[in-house]
Amino acid sequence: MKYQWRKQEKDLYLPKAKPTLITVPEQNFFMIRGQGDPNGEDFSE
């Protein structure tokens, strides 16, 4: 079963029209070190 983030985390990704305070859970990210434009021709494949 796939994770349906729109249903599970509505407060984060589908905000209401009126501003509200929410608690954002801790998240993990990764970074790739390098150089160049990821939108450039070298990365098009």
Protein backbone atom coordinates (compact mmCIF):
# COMPACT_ATOMS: atom_id res chain seq x y z
CA MET A 1 0.00 0.00 0.00
CA LYS A 2 1.43 3.36 -0.94
CA TYR A 3 1.72 6.22 1.54
CA GLN A 4 -0.92 8.85 0.81
CA TRP A 5 0.71 12.01 2.12
CA ARG A 6 -2.20 14.24 1.16
CA LYS A 7 -4.50 12.31 3.48
CA GLN A 8 -1.97 11.65 6.25
CA GLU A 9 -0.41 15.13 6.51
CA LYS A 10 -3.13 17.53 5.40
CA ASP A 11 -1.95 20.32 7.73
CA LEU A 12 1.50 20.37 6.10
CA TYR A 13 0.68 20.03 2.41
CA LEU A 14 -2.90 21.28 2.04
CA PRO A 15 -3.12 24.38 4.23
CA LYS A 16 -6.39 26.06 5.05
CA ALA A 17 -7.26 29.53 3.73
CA LYS A 18 -6.87 31.04 7.21
CA PRO A 19 -3.36 31.04 8.79
CA THR A 20 -2.89 28.56 11.64
CA LEU A 21 0.01 27.34 13.76
CA ILE A 22 0.99 23.71 13.25
CA THR A 23 3.67 21.43 14.64
CA VAL A 24 5.98 20.17 11.91
CA PRO A 25 7.40 16.72 12.72
CA GLU A 26 11.11 16.00 12.48
CA GLN A 27 12.10 15.03 8.92
CA ASN A 28 15.16 13.54 7.27
CA PHE A 29 16.72 14.91 4.08
CA PHE A 30 19.70 13.97 1.95
CA MET A 31 22.11 16.13 0.00
CA ILE A 32 24.23 15.33 -3.02
CA ARG A 33 27.48 17.23 -3.16
CA GLY A 34 28.61 18.40 -6.57
CA GLN A 35 28.38 21.19 -9.06
CA GLY A 36 26.39 22.09 -12.13
CA ASP A 37 22.84 23.04 -12.95
CA PRO A 38 20.44 20.12 -12.31
CA ASN A 39 18.12 21.65 -14.91
CA GLY A 40 20.88 21.77 -17.52
CA GLU A 41 21.58 19.56 -20.51
CA ASP A 42 24.07 17.35 -18.62
CA PHE A 43 21.31 16.14 -16.30
CA SER A 44 18.51 15.71 -18.86
CA GLU A 45 18.66 11.89 -19.05
